[in-house]
């Protein structure tokens, strides 16, 4: 019998080896571009972050991570500018992420990062459905998200990033059960959810900043205001140019009727909004209206008049004007009351 060379044996072994083992796991292809893209994204440099994720996609076109993180960049950018102009593009990126992460899972059912990316993709889809008030689809996508994220954490207990989504689900499902009476009673899992999000903050790599932001808003919702302010101060200190992280503190002061601190926070936020070259005036109207109310409650009627007048004078598209009927109505009321107070004092 002819002797088989060592090279031949090696090549035969490769041919007979399961296809899943030949495919690089999703996480194996991660590189510093993702870390860099996220860091500049949180600084508010949205286009630069998107360009960085595009470079990763060009190098790894079959890896769902690039599409996933790029979709996340558009999600944050849309929040910052309060616009739906990038919704179609984000949906396309999420479709690519879902398709490629599904392919990775079919090749290797133990690829924890593939489950994480697919779960995160479902979570983004759920967020879009909530924004469009399609709550049944949002719940369906949310359930798919937490299922995949739980699988990711089970496959790799060190994949702490997954706990941001898992913890958020546990917190908000408890809250939803009190509103949507048809949901089965599941007990109060809010503290469990908070503990899981903290784990993502402390030990996660890619989710820690947004986990911290999410936890701050959970503390606001849970009325644990000192804890919310603690998270807000850390985010403001780390990302001083990104107004996205400057909404938390004035919201706390607004809810607790600390009008002097509220006016300082909203004035600072309005300045950041002006510097960010917003695509529309939606956020500026909201902040201006609240700033005017804070001034009025402090009996600073001249400042209240000017702030409300400025908010009312901002141009809005038809959709934004409809959504802001309440805020503009409040600004108008402050304007009229401030004008009355100033006239009576003369």
C-alpha atoms as a PDB file:
ATOM      1  CA  UNK A   1       0.000   0.000   0.000  1.00  0.00           C
ATOM      2  CA  UNK A   2       1.272   3.418  -0.944  1.00  0.00           C
ATOM      3  CA  UNK A   3       2.381   5.487   2.037  1.00  0.00           C
ATOM      4  CA  UNK A   4       0.224   8.565   2.683  1.00  0.00           C
ATOM      5  CA  UNK A   5       2.173  11.728   3.405  1.00  0.00           C
ATOM      6  CA  UNK A   6       1.577  13.764   6.533  1.00  0.00           C
ATOM      7  CA  UNK A   7       0.346  16.663   4.345  1.00  0.00           C
ATOM      8  CA  UNK A   8      -2.239  14.381   2.690  1.00  0.00           C
ATOM      9  CA  UNK A   9      -3.502  13.213   6.079  1.00  0.00           C
ATOM     10  CA  UNK A  10      -3.809  16.845   7.204  1.00  0.00           C
ATOM     11  CA  UNK A  11      -5.760  17.845   4.092  1.00  0.00           C
ATOM     12  CA  UNK A  12      -8.080  14.836   4.428  1.00  0.00           C
ATOM     13  CA  UNK A  13      -8.697  15.765   8.036  1.00  0.00           C
ATOM     14  CA  UNK A  14      -9.666  19.268   7.012  1.00  0.00           C
ATOM     15  CA  UNK A  15     -12.096  17.924   4.437  1.00  0.00           C
ATOM     16  CA  UNK A  16     -13.713  15.559   6.940  1.00  0.00           C
ATOM     17  CA  UNK A  17     -13.793  18.076   9.820  1.00  0.00           C
ATOM     18  CA  UNK A  18     -17.260  19.527  10.537  1.00  0.00           C
ATOM     19  CA  UNK A  19     -17.921  22.708   8.588  1.00  0.00           C
ATOM     20  CA  UNK A  20     -18.812  24.578  11.777  1.00  0.00           C
ATOM     21  CA  UNK A  21     -15.279  24.166  13.051  1.00  0.00           C
ATOM     22  CA  UNK A  22     -13.813  25.775   9.942  1.00  0.00           C
ATOM     23  CA  UNK A  23     -15.841  28.931  10.383  1.00  0.00           C
ATOM     24  CA  UNK A  24     -14.454  31.608  12.668  1.00  0.00           C
ATOM     25  CA  UNK A  25     -16.749  32.386  15.589  1.00  0.00           C
ATOM     26  CA  UNK A  26     -18.335  35.824  15.441  1.00  0.00           C
ATOM     27  CA  UNK A  27     -16.321  37.137  18.389  1.00  0.00           C
ATOM     28  CA  UNK A  28     -13.014  35.845  16.994  1.00  0.00           C
ATOM     29  CA  UNK A  29     -13.075  38.528  14.295  1.00  0.00           C
ATOM     30  CA  UNK A  30     -13.693  41.461  16.634  1.00  0.00           C
ATOM     31  CA  UNK A  31     -10.914  44.034  16.560  1.00  0.00           C
ATOM     32  CA  UNK A  32     -10.117  47.453  17.939  1.00  0.00           C
ATOM     33  CA  UNK A  33     -12.259  49.136  15.270  1.00  0.00           C
ATOM     34  CA  UNK A  34     -15.347  48.163  17.256  1.00  0.00           C
ATOM     35  CA  UNK A  35     -13.956  49.574  20.494  1.00  0.00           C
ATOM     36  CA  UNK A  36     -12.872  52.733  18.686  1.00  0.00           C
ATOM     37  CA  UNK A  37     -16.211  53.098  16.915  1.00  0.00           C
ATOM     38  CA  UNK A  38     -18.134  52.863  20.175  1.00  0.00           C
ATOM     39  CA  UNK A  39     -15.903  55.331  22.000  1.00  0.00           C
ATOM     40  CA  UNK A  40     -16.273  58.058  19.363  1.00  0.00           C
ATOM     41  CA  UNK A  41     -19.986  57.249  19.057  1.00  0.00           C
ATOM     42  CA  UNK A  42     -20.532  58.039  22.738  1.00  0.00           C
ATOM     43  CA  UNK A  43     -18.602  61.268  22.290  1.00  0.00           C
ATOM     44  CA  UNK A  44     -21.324  62.267  19.809  1.00  0.00           C
ATOM     45  CA  UNK A  45     -19.182  61.883  16.675  1.00  0.00           C
ATOM     46  CA  UNK A  46     -21.838  59.891  14.843  1.00  0.00           C
ATOM     47  CA  UNK A  47     -20.566  59.949  11.277  1.00  0.00           C
ATOM     48  CA  UNK A  48     -17.018  59.118  12.357  1.00  0.00           C
ATOM     49  CA  UNK A  49     -18.342  56.143  14.327  1.00  0.00           C
ATOM     50  CA  UNK A  50     -20.384  54.936  11.346  1.00  0.00           C
ATOM     51  CA  UNK A  51     -17.321  55.225   9.098  1.00  0.00           C
ATOM     52  CA  UNK A  52     -15.350  53.126  11.598  1.00  0.00           C
ATOM     53  CA  UNK A  53     -17.981  50.397  11.615  1.00  0.00           C
ATOM     54  CA  UNK A  54     -18.017  50.513   7.807  1.00  0.00           C
ATOM     55  CA  UNK A  55     -14.279  49.785   7.835  1.00  0.00           C
ATOM     56  CA  UNK A  56     -14.962  46.708   9.988  1.00  0.00           C
ATOM     57  CA  UNK A  57     -17.737  45.597   7.608  1.00  0.00           C
ATOM     58  CA  UNK A  58     -15.424  45.972   4.603  1.00  0.00           C
ATOM     59  CA  UNK A  59     -12.854  43.764   6.302  1.00  0.00           C
ATOM     60  CA  UNK A  60     -15.392  41.260   7.694  1.00  0.00           C
ATOM     61  CA  UNK A  61     -18.464  41.388   5.415  1.00  0.00           C
ATOM     62  CA  UNK A  62     -19.854  38.076   6.702  1.00  0.00           C
ATOM     63  CA  UNK A  63     -19.617  39.021  10.361  1.00  0.00           C
ATOM     64  CA  UNK A  64     -22.949  40.349  11.715  1.00  0.00           C
ATOM     65  CA  UNK A  65     -21.227  42.487  14.351  1.00  0.00           C
ATOM     66  CA  UNK A  66     -20.384  45.322  11.973  1.00  0.00           C
ATOM     67  CA  UNK A  67     -23.987  45.678  10.823  1.00  0.00           C
ATOM     68  CA  UNK A  68     -25.241  45.359  14.402  1.00  0.00           C
ATOM     69  CA  UNK A  69     -22.997  48.060  15.840  1.00  0.00           C
ATOM     70  CA  UNK A  70     -23.616  50.334  12.865  1.00  0.00           C
ATOM     71  CA  UNK A  71     -27.371  49.950  13.416  1.00  0.00           C
ATOM     72  CA  UNK A  72     -26.767  50.868  17.053  1.00  0.00           C
ATOM     73  CA  UNK A  73     -24.938  54.005  15.951  1.00  0.00           C
ATOM     74  CA  UNK A  74     -27.949  55.055  13.890  1.00  0.00           C
ATOM     75  CA  UNK A  75     -30.209  54.262  16.853  1.00  0.00           C
ATOM     76  CA  UNK A  76     -28.285  56.656  19.107  1.00  0.00           C
ATOM     77  CA  UNK A  77     -28.015  59.237  16.341  1.00  0.00           C
ATOM     78  CA  UNK A  78     -31.776  59.102  15.792  1.00  0.00           C
ATOM     79  CA  UNK A  79     -32.344  59.615  19.519  1.00  0.00           C
ATOM     80  CA  UNK A  80     -29.937  62.547  19.571  1.00  0.00           C
ATOM     81  CA  UNK A  81     -31.672  64.297  16.672  1.00  0.00           C
ATOM     82  CA  UNK A  82     -35.203  63.008  17.398  1.00  0.00           C
ATOM     83  CA  UNK A  83     -35.727  61.915  13.803  1.00  0.00           C
ATOM     84  CA  UNK A  84     -36.862  58.881  11.840  1.00  0.00           C
ATOM     85  CA  UNK A  85     -34.885  59.827   8.719  1.00  0.00           C
ATOM     86  CA  UNK A  86     -32.519  56.856   9.145  1.00  0.00           C
ATOM     87  CA  UNK A  87     -35.167  54.269  10.060  1.00  0.00           C
ATOM     88  CA  UNK A  88     -35.114  52.461   6.708  1.00  0.00           C
ATOM     89  CA  UNK A  89     -31.330  52.273   6.735  1.00  0.00           C
ATOM     90  CA  UNK A  90     -31.338  50.972  10.286  1.00  0.00           C
ATOM     91  CA  UNK A  91     -33.902  48.303   9.394  1.00  0.00           C
ATOM     92  CA  UNK A  92     -31.729  47.171   6.475  1.00  0.00           C
ATOM     93  CA  UNK A  93     -28.698  46.893   8.766  1.00  0.00           C
ATOM     94  CA  UNK A  94     -30.723  44.924  11.298  1.00  0.00           C
ATOM     95  CA  UNK A  95     -31.910  42.570   8.532  1.00  0.00           C
ATOM     96  CA  UNK A  96     -28.273  41.915   7.582  1.00  0.00           C
ATOM     97  CA  UNK A  97     -27.325  41.403  11.220  1.00  0.00           C
ATOM     98  CA  UNK A  98     -30.198  38.989  11.777  1.00  0.00           C
ATOM     99  CA  UNK A  99     -29.441  37.008   8.620  1.00  0.00           C
ATOM    100  CA  UNK A 100     -25.701  36.697   9.249  1.00  0.00           C
ATOM    101  CA  UNK A 101     -26.008  35.923  12.958  1.00  0.00           C
ATOM    102  CA  UNK A 102     -28.562  33.230  12.075  1.00  0.00           C
ATOM    103  CA  UNK A 103     -26.115  31.746   9.578  1.00  0.00           C
ATOM    104  CA  UNK A 104     -23.365  31.755  12.213  1.00  0.00           C
ATOM    105  CA  UNK A 105     -25.635  29.934  14.663  1.00  0.00           C
ATOM    106  CA  UNK A 106     -26.590  27.346  12.039  1.00  0.00           C
ATOM    107  CA  UNK A 107     -22.881  26.660  11.464  1.00  0.00           C
ATOM    108  CA  UNK A 108     -22.046  26.567  15.166  1.00  0.00           C
ATOM    109  CA  UNK A 109     -24.830  26.291  17.708  1.00  0.00           C
ATOM    110  CA  UNK A 110     -22.385  27.124  20.488  1.00  0.00           C
ATOM    111  CA  UNK A 111     -21.271  30.513  19.152  1.00  0.00           C
ATOM    112  CA  UNK A 112     -22.168  32.683  22.140  1.00  0.00           C
ATOM    113  CA  UNK A 113     -21.361  35.959  20.374  1.00  0.00           C
ATOM    114  CA  UNK A 114     -23.636  35.029  17.473  1.00  0.00           C
ATOM    115  CA  UNK A 115     -26.498  34.557  19.939  1.00  0.00           C
ATOM    116  CA  UNK A 116     -25.587  37.875  21.582  1.00  0.00           C
ATOM    117  CA  UNK A 117     -25.652  39.736  18.252  1.00  0.00           C
ATOM    118  CA  UNK A 118     -28.925  38.112  17.193  1.00  0.00           C
ATOM    119  CA  UNK A 119     -30.478  38.854  20.580  1.00  0.00           C
ATOM    120  CA  UNK A 120     -29.313  42.458  20.418  1.00  0.00           C
ATOM    121  CA  UNK A 121     -30.729  42.749  16.912  1.00  0.00           C
ATOM    122  CA  UNK A 122     -34.142  41.585  18.122  1.00  0.00           C
ATOM    123  CA  UNK A 123     -33.874  44.125  20.954  1.00  0.00           C
ATOM    124  CA  UNK A 124     -33.292  46.971  18.487  1.00  0.00           C
ATOM    125  CA  UNK A 125     -36.254  45.765  16.452  1.00  0.00           C
ATOM    126  CA  UNK A 126     -38.374  45.793  19.601  1.00  0.00           C
ATOM    127  CA  UNK A 127     -37.331  49.388  20.301  1.00  0.00           C
ATOM    128  CA  UNK A 128     -38.384  50.434  16.798  1.00  0.00           C
ATOM    129  CA  UNK A 129     -41.763  48.735  17.268  1.00  0.00           C
ATOM    130  CA  UNK A 130     -42.289  50.529  20.585  1.00  0.00           C
ATOM    131  CA  UNK A 131     -41.575  53.844  18.881  1.00  0.00           C
ATOM    132  CA  UNK A 132     -44.231  53.096  16.258  1.00  0.00           C
ATOM    133  CA  UNK A 133     -46.639  51.887  19.001  1.00  0.00           C
ATOM    134  CA  UNK A 134     -46.720  48.334  17.592  1.00  0.00           C
ATOM    135  CA  UNK A 135     -46.600  46.792  21.060  1.00  0.00           C
ATOM    136  CA  UNK A 136     -47.438  43.203  20.107  1.00  0.00           C
ATOM    137  CA  UNK A 137     -44.540  43.070  17.645  1.00  0.00           C
ATOM    138  CA  UNK A 138     -42.354  44.772  20.228  1.00  0.00           C
ATOM    139  CA  UNK A 139     -43.178  42.075  22.779  1.00  0.00           C
ATOM    140  CA  UNK A 140     -42.523  39.301  20.256  1.00  0.00           C
ATOM    141  CA  UNK A 141     -39.131  40.734  19.342  1.00  0.00           C
ATOM    142  CA  UNK A 142     -38.369  41.345  23.011  1.00  0.00           C
ATOM    143  CA  UNK A 143     -39.058  37.710  23.890  1.00  0.00           C
ATOM    144  CA  UNK A 144     -36.821  36.555  21.033  1.00  0.00           C
ATOM    145  CA  UNK A 145     -34.121  38.947  22.232  1.00  0.00           C
ATOM    146  CA  UNK A 146     -34.054  37.721  25.826  1.00  0.00           C
ATOM    147  CA  UNK A 147     -34.148  34.085  24.679  1.00  0.00           C
ATOM    148  CA  UNK A 148     -31.007  34.559  22.569  1.00  0.00           C
ATOM    149  CA  UNK A 149     -29.273  36.657  25.223  1.00  0.00           C
ATOM    150  CA  UNK A 150     -29.915  33.986  27.836  1.00  0.00           C
ATOM    151  CA  UNK A 151     -28.415  31.389  25.482  1.00  0.00           C
ATOM    152  CA  UNK A 152     -25.374  33.611  24.947  1.00  0.00           C
ATOM    153  CA  UNK A 153     -24.825  33.960  28.700  1.00  0.00           C
ATOM    154  CA  UNK A 154     -25.316  30.225  29.250  1.00  0.00           C
ATOM    155  CA  UNK A 155     -22.808  29.325  26.529  1.00  0.00           C
ATOM    156  CA  UNK A 156     -20.238  31.831  27.785  1.00  0.00           C
ATOM    157  CA  UNK A 157     -20.751  32.946  31.416  1.00  0.00           C
ATOM    158  CA  UNK A 158     -18.087  35.630  30.852  1.00  0.00           C
ATOM    159  CA  UNK A 159     -20.137  37.323  28.142  1.00  0.00           C
ATOM    160  CA  UNK A 160     -21.341  39.979  30.555  1.00  0.00           C
ATOM    161  CA  UNK A 161     -22.579  42.280  27.797  1.00  0.00           C
ATOM    162  CA  UNK A 162     -25.625  40.022  27.459  1.00  0.00           C
ATOM    163  CA  UNK A 163     -26.837  41.004  30.909  1.00  0.00           C
ATOM    164  CA  UNK A 164     -27.760  44.512  29.821  1.00  0.00           C
ATOM    165  CA  UNK A 165     -30.595  43.150  27.686  1.00  0.00           C
ATOM    166  CA  UNK A 166     -31.517  40.394  30.135  1.00  0.00           C
ATOM    167  CA  UNK A 167     -31.693  42.829  33.039  1.00  0.00           C
ATOM    168  CA  UNK A 168     -33.685  45.405  31.073  1.00  0.00           C
ATOM    169  CA  UNK A 169     -36.191  42.701  30.154  1.00  0.00           C
ATOM    170  CA  UNK A 170     -36.618  41.616  33.769  1.00  0.00           C
ATOM    171  CA  UNK A 171     -37.165  45.191  34.938  1.00  0.00           C
ATOM    172  CA  UNK A 172     -39.558  46.334  32.235  1.00  0.00           C
ATOM    173  CA  UNK A 173     -41.530  43.107  32.064  1.00  0.00           C
ATOM    174  CA  UNK A 174     -42.418  43.665  35.718  1.00  0.00           C
ATOM    175  CA  UNK A 175     -43.515  47.192  34.843  1.00  0.00           C
ATOM    176  CA  UNK A 176     -45.443  46.067  31.755  1.00  0.00           C
ATOM    177  CA  UNK A 177     -47.312  43.421  33.759  1.00  0.00           C
ATOM    178  CA  UNK A 178     -48.835  46.194  35.899  1.00  0.00           C
ATOM    179  CA  UNK A 179     -50.132  47.966  32.791  1.00  0.00           C
ATOM    180  CA  UNK A 180     -50.945  45.119  30.386  1.00  0.00           C
ATOM    181  CA  UNK A 181     -53.311  43.074  32.509  1.00  0.00           C
ATOM    182  CA  UNK A 182     -53.371  40.171  30.052  1.00  0.00           C
ATOM    183  CA  UNK A 183     -49.713  39.391  30.802  1.00  0.00           C
ATOM    184  CA  UNK A 184     -49.270  36.559  33.309  1.00  0.00           C
ATOM    185  CA  UNK A 185     -48.256  37.582  36.822  1.00  0.00           C
ATOM    186  CA  UNK A 186     -44.499  37.079  37.149  1.00  0.00           C
ATOM    187  CA  UNK A 187     -43.651  38.719  40.459  1.00  0.00           C
ATOM    188  CA  UNK A 188     -41.444  41.748  40.982  1.00  0.00           C
ATOM    189  CA  UNK A 189     -38.128  41.186  39.181  1.00  0.00           C
ATOM    190  CA  UNK A 190     -36.972  44.802  39.164  1.00  0.00           C
ATOM    191  CA  UNK A 191     -34.121  44.313  41.630  1.00  0.00           C
ATOM    192  CA  UNK A 192     -32.940  41.240  39.727  1.00  0.00           C
ATOM    193  CA  UNK A 193     -32.948  43.267  36.511  1.00  0.00           C
ATOM    194  CA  UNK A 194     -30.967  46.081  38.112  1.00  0.00           C
ATOM    195  CA  UNK A 195     -28.386  43.616  39.446  1.00  0.00           C
ATOM    196  CA  UNK A 196     -27.961  42.122  35.957  1.00  0.00           C
ATOM    197  CA  UNK A 197     -27.515  45.537  34.335  1.00  0.00           C
ATOM    198  CA  UNK A 198     -24.910  46.405  36.970  1.00  0.00           C
ATOM    199  CA  UNK A 199     -23.030  43.253  35.969  1.00  0.00           C
ATOM    200  CA  UNK A 200     -22.936  44.491  32.355  1.00  0.00           C
ATOM    201  CA  UNK A 201     -21.633  47.870  33.551  1.00  0.00           C
ATOM    202  CA  UNK A 202     -18.934  46.401  35.796  1.00  0.00           C
ATOM    203  CA  UNK A 203     -17.688  43.609  33.549  1.00  0.00           C
ATOM    204  CA  UNK A 204     -19.068  44.125  30.057  1.00  0.00           C
ATOM    205  CA  UNK A 205     -16.944  45.388  27.181  1.00  0.00           C
ATOM    206  CA  UNK A 206     -19.311  46.662  24.503  1.00  0.00           C
ATOM    207  CA  UNK A 207     -22.520  47.406  26.418  1.00  0.00           C
ATOM    208  CA  UNK A 208     -21.306  49.133  29.565  1.00  0.00           C
ATOM    209  CA  UNK A 209     -21.953  52.769  28.557  1.00  0.00           C
ATOM    210  CA  UNK A 210     -25.476  52.198  27.272  1.00  0.00           C
ATOM    211  CA  UNK A 211     -26.110  49.884  30.227  1.00  0.00           C
ATOM    212  CA  UNK A 212     -25.143  52.746  32.523  1.00  0.00           C
ATOM    213  CA  UNK A 213     -27.411  55.141  30.647  1.00  0.00           C
ATOM    214  CA  UNK A 214     -30.240  52.596  30.750  1.00  0.00           C
ATOM    215  CA  UNK A 215     -29.733  52.023  34.466  1.00  0.00           C
ATOM    216  CA  UNK A 216     -29.903  55.764  35.125  1.00  0.00           C
ATOM    217  CA  UNK A 217     -33.299  55.961  33.416  1.00  0.00           C
ATOM    218  CA  UNK A 218     -34.466  52.865  35.278  1.00  0.00           C
ATOM    219  CA  UNK A 219     -33.565  54.608  38.544  1.00  0.00           C
ATOM    220  CA  UNK A 220     -35.591  57.629  37.389  1.00  0.00           C
ATOM    221  CA  UNK A 221     -38.553  55.355  36.638  1.00  0.00           C
ATOM    222  CA  UNK A 222     -38.075  53.526  39.953  1.00  0.00           C
ATOM    223  CA  UNK A 223     -37.921  56.898  41.754  1.00  0.00           C
ATOM    224  CA  UNK A 224     -34.464  56.180  43.119  1.00  0.00           C
ATOM    225  CA  UNK A 225     -33.343  59.662  42.268  1.00  0.00           C
ATOM    226  CA  UNK A 226     -29.995  59.894  44.109  1.00  0.00           C
ATOM    227  CA  UNK A 227     -28.833  56.745  42.297  1.00  0.00           C
ATOM    228  CA  UNK A 228     -30.002  58.183  38.971  1.00  0.00           C
ATOM    229  CA  UNK A 229     -28.005  61.363  39.604  1.00  0.00           C
ATOM    230  CA  UNK A 230     -24.918  59.333  40.472  1.00  0.00           C
ATOM    231  CA  UNK A 231     -25.051  57.571  37.109  1.00  0.00           C
ATOM    232  CA  UNK A 232     -25.800  60.855  35.322  1.00  0.00           C
ATOM    233  CA  UNK A 233     -22.760  62.609  36.778  1.00  0.00           C
ATOM    234  CA  UNK A 234     -20.466  59.798  35.665  1.00  0.00           C
ATOM    235  CA  UNK A 235     -21.827  59.866  32.101  1.00  0.00           C
ATOM    236  CA  UNK A 236     -21.669  63.665  31.871  1.00  0.00           C
ATOM    237  CA  UNK A 237     -18.074  63.613  33.071  1.00  0.00           C
ATOM    238  CA  UNK A 238     -17.046  60.929  30.570  1.00  0.00           C
ATOM    239  CA  UNK A 239     -18.908  62.405  27.571  1.00  0.00           C
ATOM    240  CA  UNK A 240     -19.183  66.165  28.164  1.00  0.00           C
ATOM    241  CA  UNK A 241     -20.018  67.058  24.560  1.00  0.00           C
ATOM    242  CA  UNK A 242     -22.849  64.583  23.970  1.00  0.00           C
ATOM    243  CA  UNK A 243     -26.208  66.009  25.022  1.00  0.00           C
ATOM    244  CA  UNK A 244     -27.769  62.518  25.003  1.00  0.00           C
ATOM    245  CA  UNK A 245     -26.345  61.967  28.491  1.00  0.00           C
ATOM    246  CA  UNK A 246     -27.450  65.346  29.885  1.00  0.00           C
ATOM    247  CA  UNK A 247     -31.199  64.701  30.037  1.00  0.00           C
ATOM    248  CA  UNK A 248     -31.154  62.564  33.182  1.00  0.00           C
ATOM    249  CA  UNK A 249     -30.214  65.102  35.867  1.00  0.00           C
ATOM    250  CA  UNK A 250     -32.713  67.835  34.868  1.00  0.00           C
ATOM    251  CA  UNK A 251     -35.428  65.169  34.590  1.00  0.00           C
ATOM    252  CA  UNK A 252     -34.757  64.198  38.218  1.00  0.00           C
ATOM    253  CA  UNK A 253     -34.841  67.835  39.335  1.00  0.00           C
ATOM    254  CA  UNK A 254     -38.026  68.421  37.353  1.00  0.00           C
ATOM    255  CA  UNK A 255     -39.764  65.470  38.997  1.00  0.00           C
ATOM    256  CA  UNK A 256     -38.616  66.503  42.459  1.00  0.00           C
ATOM    257  CA  UNK A 257     -39.540  70.167  41.894  1.00  0.00           C
ATOM    258  CA  UNK A 258     -35.991  71.403  42.465  1.00  0.00           C
ATOM    259  CA  UNK A 259     -36.593  74.275  40.086  1.00  0.00           C
ATOM    260  CA  UNK A 260     -33.257  76.037  40.547  1.00  0.00           C
ATOM    261  CA  UNK A 261     -31.273  72.903  39.746  1.00  0.00           C
ATOM    262  CA  UNK A 262     -33.721  72.079  36.972  1.00  0.00           C
ATOM    263  CA  UNK A 263     -33.251  75.447  35.272  1.00  0.00           C
ATOM    264  CA  UNK A 264     -29.449  75.093  35.489  1.00  0.00           C
ATOM    265  CA  UNK A 265     -29.636  71.609  33.959  1.00  0.00           C
ATOM    266  CA  UNK A 266     -32.010  72.550  31.172  1.00  0.00           C
ATOM    267  CA  UNK A 267     -30.021  75.694  30.337  1.00  0.00           C
ATOM    268  CA  UNK A 268     -26.878  73.584  30.021  1.00  0.00           C
ATOM    269  CA  UNK A 269     -28.716  71.005  27.908  1.00  0.00           C
ATOM    270  CA  UNK A 270     -30.139  73.695  25.634  1.00  0.00           C
ATOM    271  CA  UNK A 271     -26.647  75.076  25.069  1.00  0.00           C
ATOM    272  CA  UNK A 272     -25.400  71.604  24.077  1.00  0.00           C
ATOM    273  CA  UNK A 273     -28.369  71.171  21.731  1.00  0.00           C
ATOM    274  CA  UNK A 274     -27.604  74.480  20.042  1.00  0.00           C
ATOM    275  CA  UNK A 275     -23.974  73.413  19.565  1.00  0.00           C
ATOM    276  CA  UNK A 276     -24.928  70.039  18.093  1.00  0.00           C
ATOM    277  CA  UNK A 277     -26.445  71.554  14.931  1.00  0.00           C
ATOM    278  CA  UNK A 278     -29.765  69.696  15.278  1.00  0.00           C
ATOM    279  CA  UNK A 279     -31.627  68.524  12.196  1.00  0.00           C
ATOM    280  CA  UNK A 280     -34.861  69.815  13.686  1.00  0.00           C
ATOM    281  CA  UNK A 281     -36.079  71.799  16.686  1.00  0.00           C
ATOM    282  CA  UNK A 282     -37.969  69.026  18.463  1.00  0.00           C
ATOM    283  CA  UNK A 283     -35.608  68.660  21.440  1.00  0.00           C
ATOM    284  CA  UNK A 284     -35.035  72.400  21.695  1.00  0.00           C
ATOM    285  CA  UNK A 285     -38.779  73.007  22.077  1.00  0.00           C
ATOM    286  CA  UNK A 286     -39.059  70.358  24.810  1.00  0.00           C
ATOM    287  CA  UNK A 287     -36.088  71.718  26.740  1.00  0.00           C
ATOM    288  CA  UNK A 288     -37.057  75.367  26.209  1.00  0.00           C
ATOM    289  CA  UNK A 289     -40.574  74.728  27.476  1.00  0.00           C
ATOM    290  CA  UNK A 290     -39.292  73.017  30.610  1.00  0.00           C
ATOM    291  CA  UNK A 291     -36.657  75.685  31.187  1.00  0.00           C
ATOM    292  CA  UNK A 292     -39.358  78.352  31.041  1.00  0.00           C
ATOM    293  CA  UNK A 293     -41.460  76.453  33.591  1.00  0.00           C
ATOM    294  CA  UNK A 294     -38.479  76.134  35.962  1.00  0.00           C
ATOM    295  CA  UNK A 295     -37.810  79.868  35.736  1.00  0.00           C
ATOM    296  CA  UNK A 296     -41.466  80.650  36.369  1.00  0.00           C
ATOM    297  CA  UNK A 297     -41.557  78.486  39.491  1.00  0.00           C
ATOM    298  CA  UNK A 298     -38.492  80.410  40.746  1.00  0.00           C
ATOM    299  CA  UNK A 299     -40.382  83.666  40.139  1.00  0.00           C
ATOM    300  CA  UNK A 300     -37.854  84.629  37.487  1.00  0.00           C
ATOM    301  CA  UNK A 301     -40.567  85.958  35.225  1.00  0.00           C
ATOM    302  CA  UNK A 302     -38.351  87.840  32.781  1.00  0.00           C
ATOM    303  CA  UNK A 303     -36.263  84.707  32.125  1.00  0.00           C
ATOM    304  CA  UNK A 304     -39.437  82.591  31.920  1.00  0.00           C
ATOM    305  CA  UNK A 305     -40.942  84.973  29.361  1.00  0.00           C
ATOM    306  CA  UNK A 306     -37.820  84.924  27.195  1.00  0.00           C
ATOM    307  CA  UNK A 307     -37.370  81.146  27.362  1.00  0.00           C
ATOM    308  CA  UNK A 308     -41.014  80.414  26.532  1.00  0.00           C
ATOM    309  CA  UNK A 309     -41.019  82.982  23.726  1.00  0.00           C
ATOM    310  CA  UNK A 310     -37.925  81.384  22.221  1.00  0.00           C
ATOM    311  CA  UNK A 311     -39.435  77.881  22.436  1.00  0.00           C
ATOM    312  CA  UNK A 312     -42.651  79.028  20.784  1.00  0.00           C
ATOM    313  CA  UNK A 313     -40.743  80.774  17.996  1.00  0.00           C
ATOM    314  CA  UNK A 314     -38.854  77.685  16.834  1.00  0.00           C
ATOM    315  CA  UNK A 315     -39.936  76.311  13.449  1.00  0.00           C
ATOM    316  CA  UNK A 316     -41.331  72.754  13.386  1.00  0.00           C
ATOM    317  CA  UNK A 317     -42.375  70.339  10.685  1.00  0.00           C
ATOM    318  CA  UNK A 318     -46.006  69.186  10.759  1.00  0.00           C
ATOM    319  CA  UNK A 319     -45.310  65.850  12.478  1.00  0.00           C
ATOM    320  CA  UNK A 320     -43.174  67.432  15.203  1.00  0.00           C
ATOM    321  CA  UNK A 321     -45.742  70.175  15.772  1.00  0.00           C
ATOM    322  CA  UNK A 322     -48.436  67.536  16.308  1.00  0.00           C
ATOM    323  CA  UNK A 323     -46.295  65.581  18.761  1.00  0.00           C
ATOM    324  CA  UNK A 324     -45.379  68.724  20.671  1.00  0.00           C
ATOM    325  CA  UNK A 325     -48.861  70.152  21.165  1.00  0.00           C
ATOM    326  CA  UNK A 326     -48.660  69.640  24.935  1.00  0.00           C
ATOM    327  CA  UNK A 327     -45.164  71.086  25.351  1.00  0.00           C
ATOM    328  CA  UNK A 328     -45.970  74.117  23.235  1.00  0.00           C
ATOM    329  CA  UNK A 329     -49.226  74.577  25.130  1.00  0.00           C
ATOM    330  CA  UNK A 330     -47.292  74.588  28.387  1.00  0.00           C
ATOM    331  CA  UNK A 331     -44.790  77.088  26.982  1.00  0.00           C
ATOM    332  CA  UNK A 332     -47.649  79.350  25.879  1.00  0.00           C
ATOM    333  CA  UNK A 333     -49.211  79.196  29.334  1.00  0.00           C
ATOM    334  CA  UNK A 334     -45.881  80.155  30.948  1.00  0.00           C
ATOM    335  CA  UNK A 335     -45.516  82.973  28.420  1.00  0.00           C
ATOM    336  CA  UNK A 336     -48.944  84.434  29.227  1.00  0.00           C
ATOM    337  CA  UNK A 337     -48.546  84.059  32.997  1.00  0.00           C
ATOM    338  CA  UNK A 338     -45.050  85.553  32.970  1.00  0.00           C
ATOM    339  CA  UNK A 339     -46.241  88.475  30.871  1.00  0.00           C
ATOM    340  CA  UNK A 340     -49.067  89.060  33.326  1.00  0.00           C
ATOM    341  CA  UNK A 341     -46.723  88.959  36.325  1.00  0.00           C
ATOM    342  CA  UNK A 342     -44.323  91.418  34.742  1.00  0.00           C
ATOM    343  CA  UNK A 343     -47.091  93.857  33.854  1.00  0.00           C
ATOM    344  CA  UNK A 344     -48.551  93.749  37.357  1.00  0.00           C
ATOM    345  CA  UNK A 345     -45.145  94.542  38.877  1.00  0.00           C
ATOM    346  CA  UNK A 346     -44.661  97.700  36.822  1.00  0.00           C
END
